[in-house]
Amino acid sequence: MSLPEFSVQRKKVLCVGAGRGIGKGIALAFAEAGADVAVTGLTSVGAEEVAEEVRKLGRQGLAFSGDATKSGDMDRLADDVLREFGQLDVLVNCVGDSVNKPVATLPDGGPQGMTEEEWHTLVDINLTGAFQGCRAFGPHFLRRREGSVINISGVASFRSAANRSAYDAAKAGLMRFTESLAQEWAPYGVRVNAIAPGSFPDPDQMSFHEYRDREQSAARNVPLGRLGQLKEVGYLAVFLASPAADYVTGQTWAVDGGVSIKA
């Protein structure tokens, strides 16, 4: 017997930053669950490939391009998506990147200290992008008095590391942004949650040897002893978008094989 509360059949979903990696896994999980999915990337190449995979699953798949950190691009995206779909039920903000650099060059050598431009770029990609998505699509959700926003964060929401200050600060900020916005929009029936993935490398974006090295590292350092599979983040996103999660908002959910609870 199936539970209709877990269904996302015929929902309209936008995955921002889903031309590859975790975003791609989320988009395909939604399509397999019966949703129509629009996908964006900085360029249209990866987004169109993912949209074609969505269409092969029998769902409507749309591809768009644009810079998720820019208000003009996101306003245009909102116009295009709502014109094609008619409405939007789920927004997934999945833009992210990281660079390991110290704040200042350390005395014992190693990489140069972070530049002002690198700091702003990392904060924009990992935090401002989610703000821009919510700002552009918020009026639509608030007017309808329903919708689900899912921000993709990272384990850095919970745990910090050296040489990752900009990334860690942005991801921790994304968790607080999610909590604050959830309180703003709760009176209007709009839910806002976040997912914090652990190690989810995209095998299509690296060599066989690079991926094997990541697998070996995960076997040593991840409590569950393996890497995450891209669609595993998508499975949680599908739940958060479904009626089964109608009483869930303002939460950041770790999907990391247990890394965030390690001593």
C-alpha atoms as a PDB file:
ATOM      1  CA  MET A   1       0.000   0.000   0.000  1.00  0.00           C
ATOM      2  CA  SER A   2       1.346   3.431  -0.924  1.00  0.00           C
ATOM      3  CA  LEU A   3       1.083   6.553   1.209  1.00  0.00           C
ATOM      4  CA  PRO A   4      -0.244   9.513  -0.821  1.00  0.00           C
ATOM      5  CA  GLU A   5       1.328  11.909   1.685  1.00  0.00           C
ATOM      6  CA  PHE A   6       4.731  11.090   0.207  1.00  0.00           C
ATOM      7  CA  SER A   7       3.710  11.847  -3.381  1.00  0.00           C
ATOM      8  CA  VAL A   8       5.118  14.714  -5.439  1.00  0.00           C
ATOM      9  CA  GLN A   9       3.305  13.639  -8.584  1.00  0.00           C
ATOM     10  CA  ARG A  10       2.770  16.517 -11.030  1.00  0.00           C
ATOM     11  CA  LYS A  11       4.466  19.080  -8.780  1.00  0.00           C
ATOM     12  CA  LYS A  12       6.452  21.775 -10.573  1.00  0.00           C
ATOM     13  CA  VAL A  13      10.062  21.912  -9.337  1.00  0.00           C
ATOM     14  CA  LEU A  14      12.928  24.280 -10.123  1.00  0.00           C
ATOM     15  CA  CYS A  15      16.469  23.139  -9.308  1.00  0.00           C
ATOM     16  CA  VAL A  16      18.897  26.060  -9.510  1.00  0.00           C
ATOM     17  CA  GLY A  17      22.460  24.923 -10.134  1.00  0.00           C
ATOM     18  CA  ALA A  18      21.582  21.403 -11.252  1.00  0.00           C
ATOM     19  CA  GLY A  19      23.584  20.918 -14.417  1.00  0.00           C
ATOM     20  CA  ARG A  20      25.826  18.437 -12.610  1.00  0.00           C
ATOM     21  CA  GLY A  21      26.619  16.941  -9.221  1.00  0.00           C
ATOM     22  CA  ILE A  22      24.203  16.994  -6.312  1.00  0.00           C
ATOM     23  CA  GLY A  23      21.803  19.288  -8.155  1.00  0.00           C
ATOM     24  CA  LYS A  24      21.553  16.803 -10.998  1.00  0.00           C
ATOM     25  CA  GLY A  25      20.855  14.002  -8.530  1.00  0.00           C
ATOM     26  CA  ILE A  26      18.085  16.042  -6.930  1.00  0.00           C
ATOM     27  CA  ALA A  27      16.499  16.899 -10.278  1.00  0.00           C
ATOM     28  CA  LEU A  28      16.443  13.256 -11.382  1.00  0.00           C
ATOM     29  CA  ALA A  29      15.070  12.063  -8.045  1.00  0.00           C
ATOM     30  CA  PHE A  30      12.157  14.483  -8.403  1.00  0.00           C
ATOM     31  CA  ALA A  31      11.536  13.342 -11.982  1.00  0.00           C
ATOM     32  CA  GLU A  32      11.555   9.680 -10.965  1.00  0.00           C
ATOM     33  CA  ALA A  33       9.037  10.565  -8.249  1.00  0.00           C
ATOM     34  CA  GLY A  34       6.690  12.051 -10.857  1.00  0.00           C
ATOM     35  CA  ALA A  35       7.453  15.780 -10.754  1.00  0.00           C
ATOM     36  CA  ASP A  36       8.067  18.114 -13.683  1.00  0.00           C
ATOM     37  CA  VAL A  37      11.511  19.701 -13.324  1.00  0.00           C
ATOM     38  CA  ALA A  38      13.196  22.851 -14.569  1.00  0.00           C
ATOM     39  CA  VAL A  39      16.979  22.921 -14.325  1.00  0.00           C
ATOM     40  CA  THR A  40      19.402  25.839 -14.436  1.00  0.00           C
ATOM     41  CA  GLY A  41      23.137  26.138 -14.835  1.00  0.00           C
ATOM     42  CA  LEU A  42      25.612  28.928 -15.380  1.00  0.00           C
ATOM     43  CA  THR A  43      25.559  27.774 -19.008  1.00  0.00           C
ATOM     44  CA  SER A  44      22.848  25.820 -20.787  1.00  0.00           C
ATOM     45  CA  VAL A  45      24.992  22.786 -21.686  1.00  0.00           C
ATOM     46  CA  GLY A  46      24.752  20.754 -18.479  1.00  0.00           C
ATOM     47  CA  ALA A  47      21.237  21.990 -17.733  1.00  0.00           C
ATOM     48  CA  GLU A  48      19.960  20.828 -21.112  1.00  0.00           C
ATOM     49  CA  GLU A  49      21.531  17.388 -20.633  1.00  0.00           C
ATOM     50  CA  VAL A  50      19.787  16.972 -17.274  1.00  0.00           C
ATOM     51  CA  ALA A  51      16.490  18.281 -18.675  1.00  0.00           C
ATOM     52  CA  GLU A  52      16.723  15.684 -21.441  1.00  0.00           C
ATOM     53  CA  GLU A  53      17.167  12.953 -18.821  1.00  0.00           C
ATOM     54  CA  VAL A  54      14.074  14.274 -17.056  1.00  0.00           C
ATOM     55  CA  ARG A  55      12.120  14.060 -20.318  1.00  0.00           C
ATOM     56  CA  LYS A  56      13.296  10.491 -20.854  1.00  0.00           C
ATOM     57  CA  LEU A  57      11.670   9.676 -17.517  1.00  0.00           C
ATOM     58  CA  GLY A  58       8.348  10.836 -18.954  1.00  0.00           C
ATOM     59  CA  ARG A  59       8.201  14.201 -17.203  1.00  0.00           C
ATOM     60  CA  GLN A  60       8.382  17.750 -18.477  1.00  0.00           C
ATOM     61  CA  GLY A  61      11.998  18.919 -18.359  1.00  0.00           C
ATOM     62  CA  LEU A  62      13.073  22.512 -18.964  1.00  0.00           C
ATOM     63  CA  ALA A  63      16.575  23.992 -19.148  1.00  0.00           C
ATOM     64  CA  PHE A  64      17.640  27.560 -18.437  1.00  0.00           C
ATOM     65  CA  SER A  65      20.949  29.346 -17.913  1.00  0.00           C
ATOM     66  CA  GLY A  66      21.993  32.277 -15.764  1.00  0.00           C
ATOM     67  CA  ASP A  67      24.047  33.440 -12.811  1.00  0.00           C
ATOM     68  CA  ALA A  68      22.182  32.521  -9.622  1.00  0.00           C
ATOM     69  CA  THR A  69      23.954  35.284  -7.691  1.00  0.00           C
ATOM     70  CA  LYS A  70      22.656  38.079  -9.957  1.00  0.00           C
ATOM     71  CA  SER A  71      19.241  39.659  -9.388  1.00  0.00           C
ATOM     72  CA  GLY A  72      18.666  40.391 -13.079  1.00  0.00           C
ATOM     73  CA  ASP A  73      19.302  36.781 -14.096  1.00  0.00           C
ATOM     74  CA  MET A  74      17.058  35.423 -11.345  1.00  0.00           C
ATOM     75  CA  ASP A  75      14.228  37.844 -12.126  1.00  0.00           C
ATOM     76  CA  ARG A  76      14.378  36.761 -15.756  1.00  0.00           C
ATOM     77  CA  LEU A  77      14.438  33.117 -14.673  1.00  0.00           C
ATOM     78  CA  ALA A  78      11.330  33.635 -12.539  1.00  0.00           C
ATOM     79  CA  ASP A  79       9.485  35.123 -15.510  1.00  0.00           C
ATOM     80  CA  ASP A  80      10.555  32.279 -17.817  1.00  0.00           C
ATOM     81  CA  VAL A  81       9.832  29.427 -15.401  1.00  0.00           C
ATOM     82  CA  LEU A  82       6.424  30.728 -14.352  1.00  0.00           C
ATOM     83  CA  ARG A  83       5.465  31.351 -17.969  1.00  0.00           C
ATOM     84  CA  GLU A  84       6.371  27.752 -18.922  1.00  0.00           C
ATOM     85  CA  PHE A  85       5.085  25.980 -15.808  1.00  0.00           C
ATOM     86  CA  GLY A  86       2.231  28.303 -14.865  1.00  0.00           C
ATOM     87  CA  GLN A  87       3.140  27.902 -11.201  1.00  0.00           C
ATOM     88  CA  LEU A  88       6.001  26.652  -9.043  1.00  0.00           C
ATOM     89  CA  ASP A  89       5.621  24.288  -6.092  1.00  0.00           C
ATOM     90  CA  VAL A  90       9.234  23.668  -5.100  1.00  0.00           C
ATOM     91  CA  LEU A  91      12.398  25.765  -5.330  1.00  0.00           C
ATOM     92  CA  VAL A  92      15.754  24.050  -4.752  1.00  0.00           C
ATOM     93  CA  ASN A  93      18.734  26.402  -4.391  1.00  0.00           C
ATOM     94  CA  CYS A  94      21.746  24.209  -5.115  1.00  0.00           C
ATOM     95  CA  VAL A  95      24.564  26.528  -6.182  1.00  0.00           C
ATOM     96  CA  GLY A  96      27.827  26.015  -4.324  1.00  0.00           C
ATOM     97  CA  ASP A  97      31.610  25.899  -4.605  1.00  0.00           C
ATOM     98  CA  SER A  98      34.639  25.885  -2.326  1.00  0.00           C
ATOM     99  CA  VAL A  99      38.315  26.832  -2.385  1.00  0.00           C
ATOM    100  CA  ASN A 100      40.726  25.820   0.367  1.00  0.00           C
ATOM    101  CA  LYS A 101      42.745  28.931   1.217  1.00  0.00           C
ATOM    102  CA  PRO A 102      43.868  30.569   4.451  1.00  0.00           C
ATOM    103  CA  VAL A 103      42.655  34.063   5.289  1.00  0.00           C
ATOM    104  CA  ALA A 104      46.295  35.247   5.246  1.00  0.00           C
ATOM    105  CA  THR A 105      49.393  33.509   3.938  1.00  0.00           C
ATOM    106  CA  LEU A 106      50.772  31.325   6.735  1.00  0.00           C
ATOM    107  CA  PRO A 107      54.428  31.640   7.857  1.00  0.00           C
ATOM    108  CA  ASP A 108      55.280  28.033   7.021  1.00  0.00           C
ATOM    109  CA  GLY A 109      54.335  28.393   3.370  1.00  0.00           C
ATOM    110  CA  GLY A 110      51.460  26.853   1.484  1.00  0.00           C
ATOM    111  CA  PRO A 111      48.844  28.659  -0.590  1.00  0.00           C
ATOM    112  CA  GLN A 112      48.576  32.426  -0.734  1.00  0.00           C
ATOM    113  CA  GLY A 113      46.057  34.137   1.492  1.00  0.00           C
ATOM    114  CA  MET A 114      42.562  34.720   0.217  1.00  0.00           C
ATOM    115  CA  THR A 115      41.872  37.815  -1.840  1.00  0.00           C
ATOM    116  CA  GLU A 116      38.896  40.082  -1.293  1.00  0.00           C
ATOM    117  CA  GLU A 117      37.474  38.959  -4.636  1.00  0.00           C
ATOM    118  CA  GLU A 118      37.779  35.263  -3.683  1.00  0.00           C
ATOM    119  CA  TRP A 119      36.013  35.919  -0.372  1.00  0.00           C
ATOM    120  CA  HIS A 120      33.092  37.725  -2.018  1.00  0.00           C
ATOM    121  CA  THR A 121      32.833  35.109  -4.781  1.00  0.00           C
ATOM    122  CA  LEU A 122      32.579  32.210  -2.328  1.00  0.00           C
ATOM    123  CA  VAL A 123      30.070  33.983  -0.087  1.00  0.00           C
ATOM    124  CA  ASP A 124      27.976  34.976  -3.104  1.00  0.00           C
ATOM    125  CA  ILE A 125      27.931  31.463  -4.550  1.00  0.00           C
ATOM    126  CA  ASN A 126      27.176  29.674  -1.287  1.00  0.00           C
ATOM    127  CA  LEU A 127      24.849  32.187   0.391  1.00  0.00           C
ATOM    128  CA  THR A 128      23.745  35.046  -1.856  1.00  0.00           C
ATOM    129  CA  GLY A 129      22.526  32.616  -4.517  1.00  0.00           C
ATOM    130  CA  ALA A 130      19.920  31.223  -2.119  1.00  0.00           C
ATOM    131  CA  PHE A 131      18.826  34.745  -1.204  1.00  0.00           C
ATOM    132  CA  GLN A 132      18.429  35.658  -4.872  1.00  0.00           C
ATOM    133  CA  GLY A 133      16.334  32.560  -5.581  1.00  0.00           C
ATOM    134  CA  CYS A 134      14.064  33.214  -2.622  1.00  0.00           C
ATOM    135  CA  ARG A 135      13.797  36.922  -3.424  1.00  0.00           C
ATOM    136  CA  ALA A 136      12.845  36.251  -7.055  1.00  0.00           C
ATOM    137  CA  PHE A 137      10.309  33.457  -6.409  1.00  0.00           C
ATOM    138  CA  GLY A 138       9.118  34.531  -2.964  1.00  0.00           C
ATOM    139  CA  PRO A 139       6.280  36.747  -4.234  1.00  0.00           C
ATOM    140  CA  HIS A 140       4.850  33.811  -6.203  1.00  0.00           C
ATOM    141  CA  PHE A 141       4.911  31.461  -3.205  1.00  0.00           C
ATOM    142  CA  LEU A 142       3.537  34.097  -0.832  1.00  0.00           C
ATOM    143  CA  ARG A 143       0.730  35.014  -3.198  1.00  0.00           C
ATOM    144  CA  ARG A 144      -0.281  31.350  -3.514  1.00  0.00           C
ATOM    145  CA  ARG A 145       0.220  30.827   0.240  1.00  0.00           C
ATOM    146  CA  GLU A 146       1.983  27.537  -0.369  1.00  0.00           C
ATOM    147  CA  GLY A 147       5.317  26.187  -1.529  1.00  0.00           C
ATOM    148  CA  SER A 148       8.501  24.493  -0.386  1.00  0.00           C
ATOM    149  CA  VAL A 149      12.007  25.959  -0.546  1.00  0.00           C
ATOM    150  CA  ILE A 150      15.013  23.666  -0.093  1.00  0.00           C
ATOM    151  CA  ASN A 151      18.449  25.243   0.284  1.00  0.00           C
ATOM    152  CA  ILE A 152      21.430  22.960  -0.274  1.00  0.00           C
ATOM    153  CA  SER A 153      24.049  23.681   2.358  1.00  0.00           C
ATOM    154  CA  GLY A 154      26.832  21.382   3.563  1.00  0.00           C
ATOM    155  CA  VAL A 155      28.373  19.750   6.596  1.00  0.00           C
ATOM    156  CA  ALA A 156      30.160  23.078   7.109  1.00  0.00           C
ATOM    157  CA  SER A 157      26.847  24.272   8.568  1.00  0.00           C
ATOM    158  CA  PHE A 158      27.773  22.208  11.628  1.00  0.00           C
ATOM    159  CA  ARG A 159      31.552  21.735  11.522  1.00  0.00           C
ATOM    160  CA  SER A 160      34.379  24.057  10.530  1.00  0.00           C
ATOM    161  CA  ALA A 161      37.869  23.351   9.214  1.00  0.00           C
ATOM    162  CA  ALA A 162      41.069  25.292   8.644  1.00  0.00           C
ATOM    163  CA  ASN A 163      41.529  27.026   5.276  1.00  0.00           C
ATOM    164  CA  ARG A 164      37.788  27.028   4.601  1.00  0.00           C
ATOM    165  CA  SER A 165      36.697  30.267   6.289  1.00  0.00           C
ATOM    166  CA  ALA A 166      34.664  31.783   3.446  1.00  0.00           C
ATOM    167  CA  TYR A 167      32.914  28.524   2.570  1.00  0.00           C
ATOM    168  CA  ASP A 168      32.226  27.597   6.195  1.00  0.00           C
ATOM    169  CA  ALA A 169      30.928  31.056   7.060  1.00  0.00           C
ATOM    170  CA  ALA A 170      28.620  31.060   4.043  1.00  0.00           C
ATOM    171  CA  LYS A 171      27.212  27.604   4.763  1.00  0.00           C
ATOM    172  CA  ALA A 172      26.656  28.419   8.425  1.00  0.00           C
ATOM    173  CA  GLY A 173      24.985  31.624   7.262  1.00  0.00           C
ATOM    174  CA  LEU A 174      22.765  29.622   4.929  1.00  0.00           C
ATOM    175  CA  MET A 175      21.501  27.602   7.881  1.00  0.00           C
ATOM    176  CA  ARG A 176      20.578  30.799   9.744  1.00  0.00           C
ATOM    177  CA  PHE A 177      19.079  32.307   6.583  1.00  0.00           C
ATOM    178  CA  THR A 178      16.900  29.203   6.258  1.00  0.00           C
ATOM    179  CA  GLU A 179      15.741  29.474   9.866  1.00  0.00           C
ATOM    180  CA  SER A 180      14.969  33.190   9.599  1.00  0.00           C
ATOM    181  CA  LEU A 181      13.125  32.923   6.293  1.00  0.00           C
ATOM    182  CA  ALA A 182      11.132  29.927   7.576  1.00  0.00           C
ATOM    183  CA  GLN A 183       9.787  32.170  10.337  1.00  0.00           C
ATOM    184  CA  GLU A 184       9.013  35.008   7.908  1.00  0.00           C
ATOM    185  CA  TRP A 185       7.073  32.802   5.524  1.00  0.00           C
ATOM    186  CA  ALA A 186       5.425  30.326   7.912  1.00  0.00           C
ATOM    187  CA  PRO A 187       2.307  32.526   8.371  1.00  0.00           C
ATOM    188  CA  TYR A 188       1.787  32.297   4.615  1.00  0.00           C
ATOM    189  CA  GLY A 189       2.041  28.510   4.386  1.00  0.00           C
ATOM    190  CA  VAL A 190       5.476  28.475   2.739  1.00  0.00           C
ATOM    191  CA  ARG A 191       8.058  26.097   4.203  1.00  0.00           C
ATOM    192  CA  VAL A 192      11.841  26.638   4.055  1.00  0.00           C
ATOM    193  CA  ASN A 193      14.331  23.892   4.892  1.00  0.00           C
ATOM    194  CA  ALA A 194      17.947  23.045   4.111  1.00  0.00           C
ATOM    195  CA  ILE A 195      19.931  19.892   3.398  1.00  0.00           C
ATOM    196  CA  ALA A 196      23.597  19.627   4.411  1.00  0.00           C
ATOM    197  CA  PRO A 197      25.299  16.950   2.274  1.00  0.00           C
ATOM    198  CA  GLY A 198      28.580  15.358   3.196  1.00  0.00           C
ATOM    199  CA  SER A 199      30.918  13.869   0.580  1.00  0.00           C
ATOM    200  CA  PHE A 200      29.047  13.468  -2.710  1.00  0.00           C
ATOM    201  CA  PRO A 201      31.602  13.666  -5.544  1.00  0.00           C
ATOM    202  CA  ASP A 202      30.257  13.470  -9.082  1.00  0.00           C
ATOM    203  CA  PRO A 203      31.978  10.565 -10.871  1.00  0.00           C
ATOM    204  CA  ASP A 204      31.301  12.275 -14.203  1.00  0.00           C
ATOM    205  CA  GLN A 205      33.416  15.260 -13.114  1.00  0.00           C
ATOM    206  CA  MET A 206      36.599  13.404 -12.147  1.00  0.00           C
ATOM    207  CA  SER A 207      38.886  10.633 -13.269  1.00  0.00           C
ATOM    208  CA  PHE A 208      38.499   7.024 -12.196  1.00  0.00           C
ATOM    209  CA  HIS A 209      41.591   7.333  -9.967  1.00  0.00           C
ATOM    210  CA  GLU A 210      40.366  10.559  -8.336  1.00  0.00           C
ATOM    211  CA  TYR A 211      37.014   8.983  -7.541  1.00  0.00           C
ATOM    212  CA  ARG A 212      38.685   5.830  -6.177  1.00  0.00           C
ATOM    213  CA  ASP A 213      40.857   7.994  -3.890  1.00  0.00           C
ATOM    214  CA  ARG A 214      37.707   9.665  -2.560  1.00  0.00           C
ATOM    215  CA  GLU A 215      36.133   6.251  -1.983  1.00  0.00           C
ATOM    216  CA  GLN A 216      39.157   5.087  -0.023  1.00  0.00           C
ATOM    217  CA  SER A 217      39.139   8.253   2.069  1.00  0.00           C
ATOM    218  CA  ALA A 218      35.454   7.804   2.827  1.00  0.00           C
ATOM    219  CA  ALA A 219      36.019   4.210   3.882  1.00  0.00           C
ATOM    220  CA  ARG A 220      38.434   5.514   6.545  1.00  0.00           C
ATOM    221  CA  ASN A 221      36.707   8.721   7.630  1.00  0.00           C
ATOM    222  CA  VAL A 222      32.941   8.370   7.149  1.00  0.00           C
ATOM    223  CA  PRO A 223      31.146   6.407   9.907  1.00  0.00           C
ATOM    224  CA  LEU A 224      29.027   4.554   7.345  1.00  0.00           C
ATOM    225  CA  GLY A 225      32.205   3.803   5.412  1.00  0.00           C
ATOM    226  CA  ARG A 226      31.303   5.066   1.945  1.00  0.00           C
ATOM    227  CA  LEU A 227      30.656   8.067  -0.271  1.00  0.00           C
ATOM    228  CA  GLY A 228      27.165   9.383  -0.803  1.00  0.00           C
ATOM    229  CA  GLN A 229      25.331   8.685  -4.054  1.00  0.00           C
ATOM    230  CA  LEU A 230      24.064  11.831  -5.767  1.00  0.00           C
ATOM    231  CA  LYS A 231      20.395  10.904  -5.705  1.00  0.00           C
ATOM    232  CA  GLU A 232      20.467  10.245  -1.944  1.00  0.00           C
ATOM    233  CA  VAL A 233      20.258  13.999  -1.352  1.00  0.00           C
ATOM    234  CA  GLY A 234      17.384  14.033  -3.821  1.00  0.00           C
ATOM    235  CA  TYR A 235      15.435  11.450  -1.847  1.00  0.00           C
ATOM    236  CA  LEU A 236      15.417  13.725   1.193  1.00  0.00           C
ATOM    237  CA  ALA A 237      14.491  16.699  -0.990  1.00  0.00           C
ATOM    238  CA  VAL A 238      11.510  14.764  -2.347  1.00  0.00           C
ATOM    239  CA  PHE A 239      10.348  14.069   1.204  1.00  0.00           C
ATOM    240  CA  LEU A 240      10.719  17.720   2.221  1.00  0.00           C
ATOM    241  CA  ALA A 241       8.670  18.776  -0.805  1.00  0.00           C
ATOM    242  CA  SER A 242       5.906  16.259  -0.136  1.00  0.00           C
ATOM    243  CA  PRO A 243       2.789  16.626   2.031  1.00  0.00           C
ATOM    244  CA  ALA A 244       4.446  14.236   4.496  1.00  0.00           C
ATOM    245  CA  ALA A 245       6.688  17.146   5.528  1.00  0.00           C
ATOM    246  CA  ASP A 246       3.926  19.744   5.830  1.00  0.00           C
ATOM    247  CA  TYR A 247       4.786  20.276   9.522  1.00  0.00           C
ATOM    248  CA  VAL A 248       8.530  20.639   8.890  1.00  0.00           C
ATOM    249  CA  THR A 249      10.158  24.031   8.410  1.00  0.00           C
ATOM    250  CA  GLY A 250      13.329  25.877   9.393  1.00  0.00           C
ATOM    251  CA  GLN A 251      15.427  22.709   9.669  1.00  0.00           C
ATOM    252  CA  THR A 252      18.847  21.810   8.273  1.00  0.00           C
ATOM    253  CA  TRP A 253      19.119  18.078   7.661  1.00  0.00           C
ATOM    254  CA  ALA A 254      22.553  16.428   7.474  1.00  0.00           C
ATOM    255  CA  VAL A 255      22.992  13.687   4.871  1.00  0.00           C
ATOM    256  CA  ASP A 256      26.618  12.805   5.460  1.00  0.00           C
ATOM    257  CA  GLY A 257      27.030   9.195   6.526  1.00  0.00           C
ATOM    258  CA  GLY A 258      27.494  10.357  10.128  1.00  0.00           C
ATOM    259  CA  VAL A 259      30.385  12.792   9.634  1.00  0.00           C
ATOM    260  CA  SER A 260      28.693  15.677  11.433  1.00  0.00           C
ATOM    261  CA  ILE A 261      28.330  13.648  14.658  1.00  0.00           C
ATOM    262  CA  LYS A 262      31.892  12.346  14.805  1.00  0.00           C
ATOM    263  CA  ALA A 263      33.822  13.292  17.921  1.00  0.00           C
END
